[in-house]
Amino acid sequence: MASKVYVSLNGVVSEAVGAQPKDALLFASSNKSSAQVIREQRAARQKNSQLIKERLEMAFKR
């Protein structure tokens, strides 16, 4: 199943058909559910937090 591409131009969102102007914002819907996106963001945030803590510990040991 192909996802649709949408265009936002001057505050109006519609399905993109054909060539679009340079100043148009193009976006496509994700095949992931909102729960999957939230889980991935949470995991990435936890990983980044852990990396920051480890690097701070290394910096304070110097």
PDB file of N, CA and C in Angstrom:
ATOM      1  N   MET A   1       0.838  -1.160   0.000  1.00  0.00           N
ATOM      2  CA  MET A   1       0.000   0.000   0.000  1.00  0.00           C
ATOM      3  C   MET A   1       0.895   1.239   0.000  1.00  0.00           C
ATOM      4  N   ALA A   2       0.728   2.096  -0.936  1.00  0.00           N
ATOM      5  CA  ALA A   2       1.514   3.322  -1.032  1.00  0.00           C
ATOM      6  C   ALA A   2       0.889   4.385  -0.136  1.00  0.00           C
ATOM      7  N   SER A   3       1.761   5.120   0.543  1.00  0.00           N
ATOM      8  CA  SER A   3       1.229   6.197   1.375  1.00  0.00           C
ATOM      9  C   SER A   3       1.037   7.436   0.510  1.00  0.00           C
ATOM     10  N   LYS A   4       0.073   8.228   0.887  1.00  0.00           N
ATOM     11  CA  LYS A   4      -0.234   9.440   0.140  1.00  0.00           C
ATOM     12  C   LYS A   4       0.715  10.554   0.555  1.00  0.00           C
ATOM     13  N   VAL A   5       0.947  11.473  -0.346  1.00  0.00           N
ATOM     14  CA  VAL A   5       1.761  12.643  -0.059  1.00  0.00           C
ATOM     15  C   VAL A   5       0.832  13.840  -0.001  1.00  0.00           C
ATOM     16  N   TYR A   6       1.022  14.638   1.051  1.00  0.00           N
ATOM     17  CA  TYR A   6       0.188  15.818   1.244  1.00  0.00           C
ATOM     18  C   TYR A   6       1.039  17.068   1.118  1.00  0.00           C
ATOM     19  N   VAL A   7       0.394  18.171   0.789  1.00  0.00           N
ATOM     20  CA  VAL A   7       1.089  19.444   0.640  1.00  0.00           C
ATOM     21  C   VAL A   7       0.373  20.483   1.501  1.00  0.00           C
ATOM     22  N   SER A   8       1.195  21.306   2.165  1.00  0.00           N
ATOM     23  CA  SER A   8       0.661  22.424   2.936  1.00  0.00           C
ATOM     24  C   SER A   8       1.160  23.702   2.287  1.00  0.00           C
ATOM     25  N   LEU A   9       0.243  24.517   1.826  1.00  0.00           N
ATOM     26  CA  LEU A   9       0.590  25.768   1.162  1.00  0.00           C
ATOM     27  C   LEU A   9      -0.366  26.845   1.640  1.00  0.00           C
ATOM     28  N   ASN A  10       0.192  27.901   2.206  1.00  0.00           N
ATOM     29  CA  ASN A  10      -0.608  29.012   2.733  1.00  0.00           C
ATOM     30  C   ASN A  10      -1.643  28.550   3.759  1.00  0.00           C
ATOM     31  N   GLY A  11      -1.259  27.584   4.604  1.00  0.00           N
ATOM     32  CA  GLY A  11      -2.139  27.117   5.664  1.00  0.00           C
ATOM     33  C   GLY A  11      -3.207  26.145   5.230  1.00  0.00           C
ATOM     34  N   VAL A  12      -3.190  25.738   3.964  1.00  0.00           N
ATOM     35  CA  VAL A  12      -4.186  24.798   3.453  1.00  0.00           C
ATOM     36  C   VAL A  12      -3.495  23.478   3.143  1.00  0.00           C
ATOM     37  N   VAL A  13      -4.012  22.382   3.709  1.00  0.00           N
ATOM     38  CA  VAL A  13      -3.446  21.055   3.481  1.00  0.00           C
ATOM     39  C   VAL A  13      -4.331  20.312   2.493  1.00  0.00           C
ATOM     40  N   SER A  14      -3.688  19.733   1.475  1.00  0.00           N
ATOM     41  CA  SER A  14      -4.424  18.934   0.495  1.00  0.00           C
ATOM     42  C   SER A  14      -3.514  17.848  -0.035  1.00  0.00           C
ATOM     43  N   GLU A  15      -4.084  16.896  -0.740  1.00  0.00           N
ATOM     44  CA  GLU A  15      -3.289  15.820  -1.319  1.00  0.00           C
ATOM     45  C   GLU A  15      -2.468  16.390  -2.478  1.00  0.00           C
ATOM     46  N   ALA A  16      -1.190  16.039  -2.516  1.00  0.00           N
ATOM     47  CA  ALA A  16      -0.296  16.562  -3.550  1.00  0.00           C
ATOM     48  C   ALA A  16      -0.541  15.817  -4.856  1.00  0.00           C
ATOM     49  N   VAL A  17      -0.802  16.577  -5.901  1.00  0.00           N
ATOM     50  CA  VAL A  17      -0.999  16.008  -7.236  1.00  0.00           C
ATOM     51  C   VAL A  17      -0.167  16.845  -8.196  1.00  0.00           C
ATOM     52  N   GLY A  18       0.750  16.194  -8.911  1.00  0.00           N
ATOM     53  CA  GLY A  18       1.571  16.921  -9.874  1.00  0.00           C
ATOM     54  C   GLY A  18       2.675  17.728  -9.218  1.00  0.00           C
ATOM     55  N   ALA A  19       3.245  18.649  -9.958  1.00  0.00           N
ATOM     56  CA  ALA A  19       4.342  19.490  -9.469  1.00  0.00           C
ATOM     57  C   ALA A  19       3.823  20.467  -8.421  1.00  0.00           C
ATOM     58  N   GLN A  20       4.661  20.738  -7.426  1.00  0.00           N
ATOM     59  CA  GLN A  20       4.290  21.645  -6.342  1.00  0.00           C
ATOM     60  C   GLN A  20       5.261  22.824  -6.313  1.00  0.00           C
ATOM     61  N   PRO A  21       4.827  23.994  -5.850  1.00  0.00           N
ATOM     62  CA  PRO A  21       5.719  25.151  -5.768  1.00  0.00           C
ATOM     63  C   PRO A  21       6.841  24.926  -4.745  1.00  0.00           C
ATOM     64  N   LYS A  22       7.932  25.677  -4.884  1.00  0.00           N
ATOM     65  CA  LYS A  22       9.084  25.526  -3.998  1.00  0.00           C
ATOM     66  C   LYS A  22       8.743  25.790  -2.540  1.00  0.00           C
ATOM     67  N   ASP A  23       7.867  26.726  -2.278  1.00  0.00           N
ATOM     68  CA  ASP A  23       7.573  27.095  -0.900  1.00  0.00           C
ATOM     69  C   ASP A  23       6.518  26.206  -0.242  1.00  0.00           C
ATOM     70  N   ALA A  24       6.090  25.149  -0.902  1.00  0.00           N
ATOM     71  CA  ALA A  24       5.108  24.238  -0.335  1.00  0.00           C
ATOM     72  C   ALA A  24       5.812  23.233   0.576  1.00  0.00           C
ATOM     73  N   LEU A  25       5.154  22.860   1.655  1.00  0.00           N
ATOM     74  CA  LEU A  25       5.662  21.860   2.584  1.00  0.00           C
ATOM     75  C   LEU A  25       5.023  20.528   2.232  1.00  0.00           C
ATOM     76  N   LEU A  26       5.856  19.556   1.853  1.00  0.00           N
ATOM     77  CA  LEU A  26       5.352  18.229   1.492  1.00  0.00           C
ATOM     78  C   LEU A  26       5.575  17.272   2.648  1.00  0.00           C
ATOM     79  N   PHE A  27       4.622  16.399   2.897  1.00  0.00           N
ATOM     80  CA  PHE A  27       4.786  15.394   3.933  1.00  0.00           C
ATOM     81  C   PHE A  27       3.934  14.182   3.589  1.00  0.00           C
ATOM     82  N   ALA A  28       4.316  13.035   4.181  1.00  0.00           N
ATOM     83  CA  ALA A  28       3.593  11.785   3.947  1.00  0.00           C
ATOM     84  C   ALA A  28       3.222  11.178   5.289  1.00  0.00           C
ATOM     85  N   SER A  29       2.139  10.462   5.320  1.00  0.00           N
ATOM     86  CA  SER A  29       1.732   9.807   6.560  1.00  0.00           C
ATOM     87  C   SER A  29       2.627   8.603   6.807  1.00  0.00           C
ATOM     88  N   SER A  30       2.858   8.322   8.063  1.00  0.00           N
ATOM     89  CA  SER A  30       3.720   7.217   8.460  1.00  0.00           C
ATOM     90  C   SER A  30       2.925   5.917   8.479  1.00  0.00           C
ATOM     91  N   ASN A  31       3.614   4.818   8.231  1.00  0.00           N
ATOM     92  CA  ASN A  31       2.968   3.512   8.323  1.00  0.00           C
ATOM     93  C   ASN A  31       2.972   3.005   9.758  1.00  0.00           C
ATOM     94  N   LYS A  32       3.623   3.745  10.668  1.00  0.00           N
ATOM     95  CA  LYS A  32       3.699   3.355  12.068  1.00  0.00           C
ATOM     96  C   LYS A  32       2.495   3.915  12.822  1.00  0.00           C
ATOM     97  N   SER A  33       2.127   3.192  13.867  1.00  0.00           N
ATOM     98  CA  SER A  33       1.057   3.701  14.721  1.00  0.00           C
ATOM     99  C   SER A  33       1.643   4.740  15.674  1.00  0.00           C
ATOM    100  N   SER A  34       0.789   5.535  16.263  1.00  0.00           N
ATOM    101  CA  SER A  34       1.264   6.554  17.197  1.00  0.00           C
ATOM    102  C   SER A  34       1.948   5.907  18.397  1.00  0.00           C
ATOM    103  N   ALA A  35       1.484   4.744  18.820  1.00  0.00           N
ATOM    104  CA  ALA A  35       2.110   4.042  19.943  1.00  0.00           C
ATOM    105  C   ALA A  35       3.543   3.630  19.588  1.00  0.00           C
ATOM    106  N   GLN A  36       3.765   3.174  18.367  1.00  0.00           N
ATOM    107  CA  GLN A  36       5.110   2.795  17.934  1.00  0.00           C
ATOM    108  C   GLN A  36       6.029   4.009  17.910  1.00  0.00           C
ATOM    109  N   VAL A  37       5.543   5.116  17.404  1.00  0.00           N
ATOM    110  CA  VAL A  37       6.342   6.339  17.338  1.00  0.00           C
ATOM    111  C   VAL A  37       6.725   6.789  18.745  1.00  0.00           C
ATOM    112  N   ILE A  38       5.771   6.758  19.668  1.00  0.00           N
ATOM    113  CA  ILE A  38       6.037   7.167  21.047  1.00  0.00           C
ATOM    114  C   ILE A  38       7.054   6.239  21.692  1.00  0.00           C
ATOM    115  N   ARG A  39       6.926   4.931  21.477  1.00  0.00           N
ATOM    116  CA  ARG A  39       7.900   3.975  22.030  1.00  0.00           C
ATOM    117  C   ARG A  39       9.297   4.250  21.508  1.00  0.00           C
ATOM    118  N   GLU A  40       9.419   4.499  20.202  1.00  0.00           N
ATOM    119  CA  GLU A  40      10.727   4.775  19.610  1.00  0.00           C
ATOM    120  C   GLU A  40      11.320   6.068  20.158  1.00  0.00           C
ATOM    121  N   GLN A  41      10.497   7.101  20.315  1.00  0.00           N
ATOM    122  CA  GLN A  41      10.982   8.369  20.857  1.00  0.00           C
ATOM    123  C   GLN A  41      11.423   8.203  22.306  1.00  0.00           C
ATOM    124  N   ARG A  42      10.675   7.446  23.079  1.00  0.00           N
ATOM    125  CA  ARG A  42      11.026   7.211  24.479  1.00  0.00           C
ATOM    126  C   ARG A  42      12.348   6.449  24.583  1.00  0.00           C
ATOM    127  N   ALA A  43      12.516   5.430  23.754  1.00  0.00           N
ATOM    128  CA  ALA A  43      13.761   4.655  23.766  1.00  0.00           C
ATOM    129  C   ALA A  43      14.947   5.525  23.378  1.00  0.00           C
ATOM    130  N   ALA A  44      14.778   6.357  22.374  1.00  0.00           N
ATOM    131  CA  ALA A  44      15.862   7.246  21.937  1.00  0.00           C
ATOM    132  C   ALA A  44      16.198   8.251  23.032  1.00  0.00           C
ATOM    133  N   ARG A  45      15.188   8.774  23.706  1.00  0.00           N
ATOM    134  CA  ARG A  45      15.412   9.740  24.787  1.00  0.00           C
ATOM    135  C   ARG A  45      16.165   9.083  25.945  1.00  0.00           C
ATOM    136  N   GLN A  46      15.802   7.844  26.291  1.00  0.00           N
ATOM    137  CA  GLN A  46      16.487   7.127  27.362  1.00  0.00           C
ATOM    138  C   GLN A  46      17.936   6.843  26.989  1.00  0.00           C
ATOM    139  N   LYS A  47      18.166   6.459  25.746  1.00  0.00           N
ATOM    140  CA  LYS A  47      19.527   6.182  25.281  1.00  0.00           C
ATOM    141  C   LYS A  47      20.376   7.450  25.331  1.00  0.00           C
ATOM    142  N   ASN A  48      19.828   8.560  24.855  1.00  0.00           N
ATOM    143  CA  ASN A  48      20.550   9.830  24.883  1.00  0.00           C
ATOM    144  C   ASN A  48      20.845  10.272  26.310  1.00  0.00           C
ATOM    145  N   SER A  49      19.889  10.089  27.190  1.00  0.00           N
ATOM    146  CA  SER A  49      20.076  10.451  28.592  1.00  0.00           C
ATOM    147  C   SER A  49      21.202   9.623  29.212  1.00  0.00           C
ATOM    148  N   GLN A  50      21.219   8.343  28.916  1.00  0.00           N
ATOM    149  CA  GLN A  50      22.269   7.461  29.440  1.00  0.00           C
ATOM    150  C   GLN A  50      23.636   7.885  28.910  1.00  0.00           C
ATOM    151  N   LEU A  51      23.736   8.227  27.631  1.00  0.00           N
ATOM    152  CA  LEU A  51      25.005   8.670  27.056  1.00  0.00           C
ATOM    153  C   LEU A  51      25.497   9.951  27.728  1.00  0.00           C
ATOM    154  N   ILE A  52      24.585  10.873  27.981  1.00  0.00           N
ATOM    155  CA  ILE A  52      24.952  12.126  28.644  1.00  0.00           C
ATOM    156  C   ILE A  52      25.477  11.843  30.046  1.00  0.00           C
ATOM    157  N   LYS A  53      24.792  10.981  30.793  1.00  0.00           N
ATOM    158  CA  LYS A  53      25.231  10.635  32.153  1.00  0.00           C
ATOM    159  C   LYS A  53      26.617  10.003  32.132  1.00  0.00           C
ATOM    160  N   GLU A  54      26.849   9.064  31.203  1.00  0.00           N
ATOM    161  CA  GLU A  54      28.150   8.400  31.114  1.00  0.00           C
ATOM    162  C   GLU A  54      29.256   9.394  30.788  1.00  0.00           C
ATOM    163  N   ARG A  55      28.995  10.303  29.882  1.00  0.00           N
ATOM    164  CA  ARG A  55      30.015  11.277  29.488  1.00  0.00           C
ATOM    165  C   ARG A  55      30.280  12.286  30.590  1.00  0.00           C
ATOM    166  N   LEU A  56      29.250  12.662  31.347  1.00  0.00           N
ATOM    167  CA  LEU A  56      29.464  13.544  32.485  1.00  0.00           C
ATOM    168  C   LEU A  56      30.314  12.868  33.546  1.00  0.00           C
ATOM    169  N   GLU A  57      30.055  11.583  33.809  1.00  0.00           N
ATOM    170  CA  GLU A  57      30.856  10.841  34.772  1.00  0.00           C
ATOM    171  C   GLU A  57      32.321  10.799  34.332  1.00  0.00           C
ATOM    172  N   MET A  58      32.546  10.545  33.038  1.00  0.00           N
ATOM    173  CA  MET A  58      33.914  10.516  32.523  1.00  0.00           C
ATOM    174  C   MET A  58      34.579  11.875  32.673  1.00  0.00           C
ATOM    175  N   ALA A  59      33.845  12.945  32.422  1.00  0.00           N
ATOM    176  CA  ALA A  59      34.402  14.293  32.516  1.00  0.00           C
ATOM    177  C   ALA A  59      34.748  14.645  33.960  1.00  0.00           C
ATOM    178  N   PHE A  60      33.923  14.220  34.931  1.00  0.00           N
ATOM    179  CA  PHE A  60      34.186  14.545  36.318  1.00  0.00           C
ATOM    180  C   PHE A  60      35.331  13.704  36.901  1.00  0.00           C
ATOM    181  N   LYS A  61      35.623  12.552  36.289  1.00  0.00           N
ATOM    182  CA  LYS A  61      36.724  11.711  36.756  1.00  0.00           C
ATOM    183  C   LYS A  61      38.073  12.309  36.379  1.00  0.00           C
ATOM    184  N   ARG A  62      38.116  13.174  35.399  1.00  0.00           N
ATOM    185  CA  ARG A  62      39.391  13.756  34.941  1.00  0.00           C
ATOM    186  C   ARG A  62      39.947  14.705  35.927  1.00  0.00           C
TER     187      ARG A  62
END
